[in-house]
Amino acid sequence: MHNIKAREKFKHFSIVNLNNRKKYVWRGMLLAIREEIWKHRNRVIFKQRKVYPDGIFGLAQVIDWVWMKHKIPSVKFSYSDFVLSPFSCLKSL
């Protein structure tokens, strides 16, 4: 039942006119952000760390780019290109 809720939530963050590979990458980006928010939340609650929104998003970008490079051989853009223009990079897939 939990997986069904997650799938339904992904539908709310869809971008129109993406092929299956681009949808796969977009969902990976959303999962990376969600995961980093969760980890950061736990560090704040359990280790009394400060909140750094830029850090959360920056770590999510690194994780997502590494994941894409590993999973999708056609990824040819650099990390800096991905950070500066993620949607352009997504369109290039």
C-alpha atoms as a PDB file:
ATOM      1  CA  MET A   1       0.000   0.000   0.000  1.00  0.00           C
ATOM      2  CA  HIS A   2       2.871   2.375   0.765  1.00  0.00           C
ATOM      3  CA  ASN A   3       4.267   1.928  -2.782  1.00  0.00           C
ATOM      4  CA  ILE A   4       0.941   2.868  -4.312  1.00  0.00           C
ATOM      5  CA  LYS A   5       0.951   6.162  -2.425  1.00  0.00           C
ATOM      6  CA  ALA A   6       4.496   6.886  -3.596  1.00  0.00           C
ATOM      7  CA  ARG A   7       3.550   6.208  -7.222  1.00  0.00           C
ATOM      8  CA  GLU A   8       0.544   8.491  -6.955  1.00  0.00           C
ATOM      9  CA  LYS A   9       2.714  11.275  -5.525  1.00  0.00           C
ATOM     10  CA  PHE A  10       5.114  10.981  -8.479  1.00  0.00           C
ATOM     11  CA  LYS A  11       2.241  11.763 -10.835  1.00  0.00           C
ATOM     12  CA  HIS A  12       1.931  15.204  -9.254  1.00  0.00           C
ATOM     13  CA  PHE A  13       5.524  16.019 -10.220  1.00  0.00           C
ATOM     14  CA  SER A  14       5.403  14.959 -13.840  1.00  0.00           C
ATOM     15  CA  ILE A  15       6.743  16.988 -16.705  1.00  0.00           C
ATOM     16  CA  VAL A  16       4.709  16.702 -19.885  1.00  0.00           C
ATOM     17  CA  ASN A  17       6.253  15.341 -23.094  1.00  0.00           C
ATOM     18  CA  LEU A  18       9.084  13.311 -21.568  1.00  0.00           C
ATOM     19  CA  ASN A  19      10.070   9.963 -22.967  1.00  0.00           C
ATOM     20  CA  ASN A  20      10.472   7.013 -20.590  1.00  0.00           C
ATOM     21  CA  ARG A  21      14.211   7.574 -20.051  1.00  0.00           C
ATOM     22  CA  LYS A  22      13.683  11.228 -19.148  1.00  0.00           C
ATOM     23  CA  LYS A  23      10.822  10.325 -16.798  1.00  0.00           C
ATOM     24  CA  TYR A  24      13.125   7.767 -15.149  1.00  0.00           C
ATOM     25  CA  VAL A  25      15.795  10.427 -14.604  1.00  0.00           C
ATOM     26  CA  TRP A  26      13.275  13.023 -13.384  1.00  0.00           C
ATOM     27  CA  ARG A  27      11.913  10.566 -10.825  1.00  0.00           C
ATOM     28  CA  GLY A  28      15.465   9.795  -9.732  1.00  0.00           C
ATOM     29  CA  MET A  29      16.031  13.503  -9.166  1.00  0.00           C
ATOM     30  CA  LEU A  30      12.911  13.733  -7.014  1.00  0.00           C
ATOM     31  CA  LEU A  31      13.937  10.673  -4.999  1.00  0.00           C
ATOM     32  CA  ALA A  32      17.424  12.071  -4.400  1.00  0.00           C
ATOM     33  CA  ILE A  33      15.979  15.343  -3.093  1.00  0.00           C
ATOM     34  CA  ARG A  34      13.474  13.527  -0.887  1.00  0.00           C
ATOM     35  CA  GLU A  35      16.191  11.261   0.507  1.00  0.00           C
ATOM     36  CA  GLU A  36      18.497  14.172   1.335  1.00  0.00           C
ATOM     37  CA  ILE A  37      15.683  16.065   3.047  1.00  0.00           C
ATOM     38  CA  TRP A  38      14.992  12.960   5.150  1.00  0.00           C
ATOM     39  CA  LYS A  39      18.664  12.489   6.079  1.00  0.00           C
ATOM     40  CA  HIS A  40      19.053  16.171   6.904  1.00  0.00           C
ATOM     41  CA  ARG A  41      15.923  16.105   9.036  1.00  0.00           C
ATOM     42  CA  ASN A  42      17.325  13.175  11.003  1.00  0.00           C
ATOM     43  CA  ARG A  43      20.634  14.984  11.538  1.00  0.00           C
ATOM     44  CA  VAL A  44      18.771  18.036  12.847  1.00  0.00           C
ATOM     45  CA  ILE A  45      16.558  16.004  15.188  1.00  0.00           C
ATOM     46  CA  PHE A  46      19.005  13.381  16.448  1.00  0.00           C
ATOM     47  CA  LYS A  47      22.342  15.172  16.251  1.00  0.00           C
ATOM     48  CA  GLN A  48      21.199  18.768  16.825  1.00  0.00           C
ATOM     49  CA  ARG A  49      22.676  19.959  13.529  1.00  0.00           C
ATOM     50  CA  LYS A  50      21.692  23.220  11.849  1.00  0.00           C
ATOM     51  CA  VAL A  51      19.456  23.454   8.791  1.00  0.00           C
ATOM     52  CA  TYR A  52      21.323  24.117   5.521  1.00  0.00           C
ATOM     53  CA  PRO A  53      18.864  24.081   2.587  1.00  0.00           C
ATOM     54  CA  ASP A  54      21.648  24.670   0.041  1.00  0.00           C
ATOM     55  CA  GLY A  55      23.491  21.668   1.425  1.00  0.00           C
ATOM     56  CA  ILE A  56      20.441  19.454   1.058  1.00  0.00           C
ATOM     57  CA  PHE A  57      19.945  20.383  -2.574  1.00  0.00           C
ATOM     58  CA  GLY A  58      23.676  20.258  -3.352  1.00  0.00           C
ATOM     59  CA  LEU A  59      24.004  16.719  -1.994  1.00  0.00           C
ATOM     60  CA  ALA A  60      20.905  15.677  -3.914  1.00  0.00           C
ATOM     61  CA  GLN A  61      22.456  17.012  -7.133  1.00  0.00           C
ATOM     62  CA  VAL A  62      25.677  15.078  -6.551  1.00  0.00           C
ATOM     63  CA  ILE A  63      23.818  11.858  -5.776  1.00  0.00           C
ATOM     64  CA  ASP A  64      21.555  12.239  -8.783  1.00  0.00           C
ATOM     65  CA  TRP A  65      24.376  12.997 -11.215  1.00  0.00           C
ATOM     66  CA  VAL A  66      26.446  10.021 -10.016  1.00  0.00           C
ATOM     67  CA  TRP A  67      23.389   7.783 -10.257  1.00  0.00           C
ATOM     68  CA  MET A  68      22.661   8.976 -13.812  1.00  0.00           C
ATOM     69  CA  LYS A  69      26.272   8.478 -14.934  1.00  0.00           C
ATOM     70  CA  HIS A  70      26.173   4.933 -13.551  1.00  0.00           C
ATOM     71  CA  LYS A  71      22.730   3.915 -14.827  1.00  0.00           C
ATOM     72  CA  ILE A  72      22.493   5.687 -18.198  1.00  0.00           C
ATOM     73  CA  PRO A  73      25.438   5.326 -20.586  1.00  0.00           C
ATOM     74  CA  SER A  74      24.179   8.147 -22.823  1.00  0.00           C
ATOM     75  CA  VAL A  75      24.791  10.748 -20.083  1.00  0.00           C
ATOM     76  CA  LYS A  76      27.641  12.824 -21.515  1.00  0.00           C
ATOM     77  CA  PHE A  77      27.143  16.126 -19.703  1.00  0.00           C
ATOM     78  CA  SER A  78      29.408  17.166 -16.856  1.00  0.00           C
ATOM     79  CA  TYR A  79      28.406  17.665 -13.256  1.00  0.00           C
ATOM     80  CA  SER A  80      28.853  21.438 -13.605  1.00  0.00           C
ATOM     81  CA  ASP A  81      26.569  21.473 -16.674  1.00  0.00           C
ATOM     82  CA  PHE A  82      23.992  19.507 -14.695  1.00  0.00           C
ATOM     83  CA  VAL A  83      24.156  21.937 -11.762  1.00  0.00           C
ATOM     84  CA  LEU A  84      23.911  25.019 -13.982  1.00  0.00           C
ATOM     85  CA  SER A  85      21.152  23.744 -16.264  1.00  0.00           C
ATOM     86  CA  PRO A  86      19.494  20.487 -15.155  1.00  0.00           C
ATOM     87  CA  PHE A  87      16.537  20.768 -17.537  1.00  0.00           C
ATOM     88  CA  SER A  88      18.808  21.311 -20.546  1.00  0.00           C
ATOM     89  CA  CYS A  89      20.747  18.227 -19.546  1.00  0.00           C
ATOM     90  CA  LEU A  90      17.534  16.282 -19.104  1.00  0.00           C
ATOM     91  CA  LYS A  91      16.442  17.283 -22.606  1.00  0.00           C
ATOM     92  CA  SER A  92      19.722  15.983 -24.031  1.00  0.00           C
ATOM     93  CA  LEU A  93      18.942  12.392 -23.024  1.00  0.00           C
END
